[in-house]
C-alpha cells in the first residue's frame, strides 16, 4: 500500500513539473496559451496628424523589426518625433491602452 501511494505521488509530481515547464513555454497540455494574434496595420496619417499636426509622412524606424516604432516627418523631411504603436501587445493588458484615435 505504501509503495502504491509513493508511486501515485511520484506520478503527480512528474505531472506538476511537466505542467510547469509547459506553462513556462506558453503551452498547457499541448495547447497554446497565447491568443490568436491580431493583424495590426500601420496607423493612418490622419491618426498621426492628431498627435503631430504638421506631419506630412511617417516611416518605420529602421532598427525596428516589428514595425511598431515610426518616425514622423513634416515639411521638407524635418523630423518631428516618434510614434510607438503598442496596439498588438497592449490591447489585452488593463491600464496599458492608450487613447483610441479612430
N, C-alpha and C. Protein backbone atom coordinates (compact mmCIF):
# COMPACT_ATOMS: atom_id res chain seq x y z
N UNK A 1 0.82 -1.20 0.00
CA UNK A 1 0.00 0.00 0.00
C UNK A 1 0.86 1.26 0.00
N UNK A 2 1.92 1.22 0.82
CA UNK A 2 2.82 2.37 0.91
C UNK A 2 3.54 2.61 -0.42
N UNK A 3 3.96 1.52 -1.08
CA UNK A 3 4.64 1.65 -2.37
C UNK A 3 3.71 2.24 -3.44
N UNK A 4 2.45 1.84 -3.39
CA UNK A 4 1.48 2.37 -4.36
C UNK A 4 1.25 3.86 -4.14
N UNK A 5 1.16 4.30 -2.90
CA UNK A 5 0.98 5.71 -2.58
C UNK A 5 2.19 6.53 -3.04
N UNK A 6 3.38 5.99 -2.83
CA UNK A 6 4.60 6.67 -3.28
C UNK A 6 4.61 6.78 -4.80
N UNK A 7 4.19 5.72 -5.48
CA UNK A 7 4.14 5.74 -6.95
C UNK A 7 3.15 6.80 -7.46
N UNK A 8 2.00 6.87 -6.80
CA UNK A 8 0.99 7.85 -7.21
C UNK A 8 1.49 9.27 -6.97
N UNK A 9 2.10 9.50 -5.82
CA UNK A 9 2.66 10.83 -5.52
C UNK A 9 3.78 11.20 -6.49
N UNK A 10 4.60 10.22 -6.85
CA UNK A 10 5.67 10.46 -7.81
C UNK A 10 5.10 10.84 -9.18
N UNK A 11 4.05 10.16 -9.60
CA UNK A 11 3.42 10.48 -10.90
C UNK A 11 2.81 11.87 -10.85
N UNK A 12 2.17 12.23 -9.74
CA UNK A 12 1.61 13.57 -9.61
C UNK A 12 2.71 14.64 -9.66
N UNK A 13 3.83 14.36 -9.02
CA UNK A 13 4.96 15.29 -9.06
C UNK A 13 5.48 15.47 -10.48
N UNK A 14 5.57 14.37 -11.22
CA UNK A 14 6.01 14.46 -12.62
C UNK A 14 5.04 15.28 -13.45
N UNK A 15 3.75 15.09 -13.23
CA UNK A 15 2.74 15.86 -13.96
C UNK A 15 2.85 17.35 -13.62
N UNK A 16 3.05 17.67 -12.36
CA UNK A 16 3.19 19.07 -11.96
C UNK A 16 4.42 19.71 -12.56
N UNK A 17 5.54 19.00 -12.55
CA UNK A 17 6.78 19.53 -13.14
C UNK A 17 6.61 19.71 -14.64
N UNK A 18 6.02 18.72 -15.30
CA UNK A 18 5.78 18.83 -16.75
C UNK A 18 4.84 19.98 -17.08
N UNK A 19 3.81 20.14 -16.26
CA UNK A 19 2.88 21.26 -16.47
C UNK A 19 3.56 22.60 -16.27
N UNK A 20 4.42 22.69 -15.26
CA UNK A 20 5.13 23.95 -15.01
C UNK A 20 6.06 24.27 -16.16
N UNK A 21 6.74 23.28 -16.70
CA UNK A 21 7.62 23.52 -17.85
C UNK A 21 6.80 23.95 -19.06
N UNK A 22 5.67 23.31 -19.28
CA UNK A 22 4.80 23.69 -20.40
C UNK A 22 4.27 25.10 -20.24
N UNK A 23 3.86 25.47 -19.02
CA UNK A 23 3.35 26.83 -18.78
C UNK A 23 4.43 27.85 -19.05
N UNK A 24 5.65 27.53 -18.69
CA UNK A 24 6.75 28.47 -18.91
C UNK A 24 6.99 28.69 -20.40
N UNK A 25 6.69 27.68 -21.20
CA UNK A 25 6.86 27.79 -22.65
C UNK A 25 5.59 28.28 -23.33
N UNK A 26 4.57 28.65 -22.56
CA UNK A 26 3.35 29.19 -23.14
C UNK A 26 2.36 28.15 -23.61
N UNK A 27 2.51 26.92 -23.12
CA UNK A 27 1.60 25.85 -23.53
C UNK A 27 1.12 25.09 -22.31
N UNK A 28 -0.06 24.54 -22.40
CA UNK A 28 -0.59 23.66 -21.36
C UNK A 28 -1.25 22.49 -22.05
N UNK A 29 -0.72 21.31 -21.81
CA UNK A 29 -1.21 20.08 -22.45
C UNK A 29 -1.23 20.20 -23.97
N UNK A 30 -0.22 20.83 -24.51
CA UNK A 30 -0.09 20.94 -25.96
C UNK A 30 -0.87 22.08 -26.59
N UNK A 31 -1.65 22.82 -25.80
CA UNK A 31 -2.43 23.94 -26.32
C UNK A 31 -1.72 25.25 -26.01
N UNK A 32 -1.68 26.12 -26.97
CA UNK A 32 -1.04 27.41 -26.78
C UNK A 32 -1.89 28.28 -25.86
N UNK A 33 -1.23 28.96 -24.92
CA UNK A 33 -1.94 29.85 -24.02
C UNK A 33 -2.05 31.26 -24.60
N UNK A 34 -1.32 31.51 -25.65
CA UNK A 34 -1.39 32.82 -26.30
C UNK A 34 -2.62 32.85 -27.19
N UNK A 35 -3.32 33.96 -27.16
CA UNK A 35 -4.49 34.11 -28.01
C UNK A 35 -4.11 34.20 -29.47
N UNK A 36 -5.10 34.20 -30.31
CA UNK A 36 -4.83 34.36 -31.73
C UNK A 36 -4.22 35.73 -31.96
N UNK A 37 -3.16 35.75 -32.74
CA UNK A 37 -2.50 37.03 -32.99
C UNK A 37 -3.37 37.88 -33.91
N UNK A 38 -3.44 39.15 -33.58
CA UNK A 38 -4.25 40.07 -34.36
C UNK A 38 -3.38 40.72 -35.42
N UNK A 39 -3.95 40.87 -36.60
CA UNK A 39 -3.21 41.55 -37.65
C UNK A 39 -3.29 43.05 -37.39
N UNK A 40 -2.16 43.67 -37.20
CA UNK A 40 -2.09 45.09 -36.92
C UNK A 40 -1.52 45.80 -38.14
N UNK A 41 -2.28 46.73 -38.64
CA UNK A 41 -1.81 47.52 -39.79
C UNK A 41 -1.18 48.80 -39.27
N UNK A 42 -0.27 49.38 -40.05
CA UNK A 42 0.31 50.66 -39.63
C UNK A 42 -0.78 51.72 -39.49
N UNK A 43 -0.56 52.69 -38.62
CA UNK A 43 -1.57 53.75 -38.45
C UNK A 43 -1.70 54.59 -39.71
N UNK A 44 -2.85 55.25 -39.85
CA UNK A 44 -3.05 56.18 -40.97
C UNK A 44 -2.39 57.50 -40.66
N UNK A 45 -2.08 58.26 -41.69
CA UNK A 45 -1.51 59.58 -41.49
C UNK A 45 -2.50 60.49 -40.75
N UNK A 46 -3.78 60.28 -40.97
CA UNK A 46 -4.78 61.10 -40.26
C UNK A 46 -4.72 60.85 -38.76
N UNK A 47 -4.43 59.62 -38.35
CA UNK A 47 -4.28 59.31 -36.92
C UNK A 47 -3.03 59.98 -36.36
N UNK A 48 -1.96 59.94 -37.11
CA UNK A 48 -0.71 60.55 -36.65
C UNK A 48 -0.84 62.07 -36.59
N UNK A 49 -1.62 62.64 -37.51
CA UNK A 49 -1.80 64.09 -37.51
C UNK A 49 -2.56 64.58 -36.27
N UNK A 50 -3.27 63.70 -35.59
CA UNK A 50 -3.92 64.08 -34.34
C UNK A 50 -2.88 64.32 -33.24
N UNK A 51 -1.73 63.69 -33.38
CA UNK A 51 -0.64 63.88 -32.42
C UNK A 51 0.39 64.89 -32.92
N UNK A 52 0.71 64.82 -34.21
CA UNK A 52 1.66 65.74 -34.85
C UNK A 52 0.93 66.46 -35.98
N UNK A 53 0.44 67.63 -35.70
CA UNK A 53 -0.40 68.37 -36.66
C UNK A 53 0.33 68.65 -37.96
N UNK A 54 1.63 68.90 -37.89
CA UNK A 54 2.40 69.25 -39.09
C UNK A 54 2.98 68.04 -39.82
N UNK A 55 2.54 66.86 -39.47
CA UNK A 55 3.07 65.64 -40.09
C UNK A 55 2.71 65.58 -41.56
N UNK A 56 3.69 65.23 -42.37
CA UNK A 56 3.49 65.05 -43.81
C UNK A 56 3.60 63.57 -44.21
N UNK A 57 4.51 62.86 -43.53
CA UNK A 57 4.67 61.42 -43.78
C UNK A 57 5.35 60.78 -42.59
N UNK A 58 5.32 59.46 -42.54
CA UNK A 58 5.99 58.71 -41.48
C UNK A 58 6.52 57.42 -42.07
N UNK A 59 7.48 56.85 -41.41
CA UNK A 59 8.04 55.56 -41.84
C UNK A 59 8.52 54.79 -40.62
N UNK A 60 8.61 53.48 -40.79
CA UNK A 60 9.04 52.62 -39.68
C UNK A 60 10.50 52.92 -39.34
N UNK A 61 10.80 52.86 -38.07
CA UNK A 61 12.19 53.05 -37.63
C UNK A 61 13.04 51.93 -38.22
N UNK A 62 14.19 52.24 -38.79
CA UNK A 62 14.99 51.20 -39.46
C UNK A 62 15.38 50.03 -38.56
N UNK A 63 15.64 50.27 -37.29
CA UNK A 63 16.09 49.20 -36.40
C UNK A 63 14.93 48.38 -35.84
N UNK A 64 13.70 48.81 -36.09
CA UNK A 64 12.54 48.12 -35.54
C UNK A 64 12.07 47.05 -36.51
N UNK A 65 12.19 45.79 -36.10
CA UNK A 65 11.81 44.67 -36.98
C UNK A 65 10.32 44.40 -36.98
N UNK A 66 9.61 44.81 -35.94
CA UNK A 66 8.18 44.51 -35.83
C UNK A 66 7.31 45.61 -36.42
N UNK A 67 7.86 46.75 -36.75
CA UNK A 67 7.06 47.84 -37.30
C UNK A 67 6.17 48.50 -36.28
N UNK A 68 6.69 48.71 -35.07
CA UNK A 68 5.89 49.33 -34.02
C UNK A 68 6.33 50.75 -33.71
N UNK A 69 7.49 51.15 -34.19
CA UNK A 69 8.01 52.50 -33.93
C UNK A 69 8.11 53.22 -35.27
N UNK A 70 7.52 54.41 -35.32
CA UNK A 70 7.51 55.17 -36.56
C UNK A 70 8.14 56.54 -36.36
N UNK A 71 8.94 56.96 -37.33
CA UNK A 71 9.49 58.31 -37.35
C UNK A 71 8.50 59.18 -38.10
N UNK A 72 8.15 60.31 -37.52
CA UNK A 72 7.19 61.23 -38.13
C UNK A 72 7.96 62.43 -38.66
N UNK A 73 7.68 62.81 -39.92
CA UNK A 73 8.37 63.92 -40.57
C UNK A 73 7.38 64.95 -41.06
N UNK A 74 7.81 66.18 -41.05
CA UNK A 74 6.98 67.29 -41.52
C UNK A 74 7.45 67.77 -42.88
N UNK A 75 7.16 69.05 -43.15
CA UNK A 75 7.53 69.65 -44.43
C UNK A 75 9.04 69.55 -44.66
N UNK A 76 9.42 69.31 -45.88
CA UNK A 76 10.80 69.15 -46.33
C UNK A 76 11.57 68.10 -45.51
N UNK A 77 10.87 67.11 -45.00
CA UNK A 77 11.52 66.00 -44.32
C UNK A 77 11.99 66.26 -42.90
N UNK A 78 11.58 67.37 -42.30
CA UNK A 78 12.01 67.70 -40.95
C UNK A 78 11.45 66.67 -39.95
N UNK A 79 12.34 66.12 -39.13
CA UNK A 79 11.95 65.12 -38.14
C UNK A 79 11.14 65.80 -37.03
N UNK A 80 9.94 65.28 -36.77
CA UNK A 80 9.07 65.85 -35.74
C UNK A 80 9.04 65.02 -34.46
N UNK A 81 9.19 63.73 -34.58
CA UNK A 81 9.15 62.87 -33.40
C UNK A 81 8.89 61.43 -33.77
N UNK A 82 8.60 60.63 -32.76
CA UNK A 82 8.33 59.20 -32.95
C UNK A 82 6.95 58.85 -32.42
N UNK A 83 6.37 57.82 -33.01
CA UNK A 83 5.10 57.27 -32.56
C UNK A 83 5.34 55.80 -32.25
N UNK A 84 4.92 55.38 -31.07
CA UNK A 84 5.01 53.98 -30.66
C UNK A 84 3.63 53.36 -30.80
N UNK A 85 3.54 52.32 -31.58
CA UNK A 85 2.27 51.62 -31.79
C UNK A 85 2.28 50.35 -30.94
N UNK A 86 1.54 50.37 -29.84
CA UNK A 86 1.52 49.22 -28.93
C UNK A 86 0.21 48.45 -29.01
N UNK A 87 -0.55 48.64 -30.06
CA UNK A 87 -1.87 48.00 -30.16
C UNK A 87 -1.82 46.49 -30.05
N UNK A 88 -0.91 45.86 -30.72
CA UNK A 88 -0.88 44.40 -30.70
C UNK A 88 -0.48 43.81 -29.37
N UNK A 89 0.42 44.45 -28.68
CA UNK A 89 0.93 43.91 -27.43
C UNK A 89 0.13 44.34 -26.21
N UNK A 90 -0.40 45.54 -26.22
CA UNK A 90 -1.00 46.09 -25.01
C UNK A 90 -2.53 46.05 -24.99
N UNK A 91 -3.16 45.58 -26.03
CA UNK A 91 -4.62 45.60 -26.07
C UNK A 91 -5.26 44.79 -24.94
N UNK A 92 -4.63 43.70 -24.55
CA UNK A 92 -5.21 42.84 -23.53
C UNK A 92 -4.73 43.16 -22.11
N UNK A 93 -3.85 44.14 -21.97
CA UNK A 93 -3.33 44.49 -20.66
C UNK A 93 -4.13 45.68 -20.11
N UNK A 94 -4.77 45.48 -18.99
CA UNK A 94 -5.58 46.54 -18.40
C UNK A 94 -4.66 47.67 -17.94
N UNK A 95 -5.00 48.89 -18.30
CA UNK A 95 -4.21 50.04 -17.90
C UNK A 95 -3.11 50.39 -18.87
N UNK A 96 -2.90 49.60 -19.92
CA UNK A 96 -1.81 49.86 -20.87
C UNK A 96 -2.33 50.45 -22.19
N UNK A 97 -3.61 50.52 -22.36
CA UNK A 97 -4.15 51.02 -23.62
C UNK A 97 -4.07 52.52 -23.67
N UNK A 98 -3.64 53.01 -24.78
CA UNK A 98 -3.58 54.45 -24.97
C UNK A 98 -4.91 54.96 -25.50
N UNK A 99 -4.96 56.22 -25.87
CA UNK A 99 -6.20 56.78 -26.39
C UNK A 99 -6.55 56.16 -27.74
N UNK A 100 -7.79 55.97 -27.95
CA UNK A 100 -8.27 55.48 -29.26
C UNK A 100 -8.37 56.68 -30.18
N UNK A 101 -7.59 56.66 -31.24
CA UNK A 101 -7.58 57.80 -32.16
C UNK A 101 -8.55 57.64 -33.30
N UNK A 102 -9.13 56.48 -33.44
CA UNK A 102 -10.06 56.29 -34.55
C UNK A 102 -11.48 56.23 -34.08
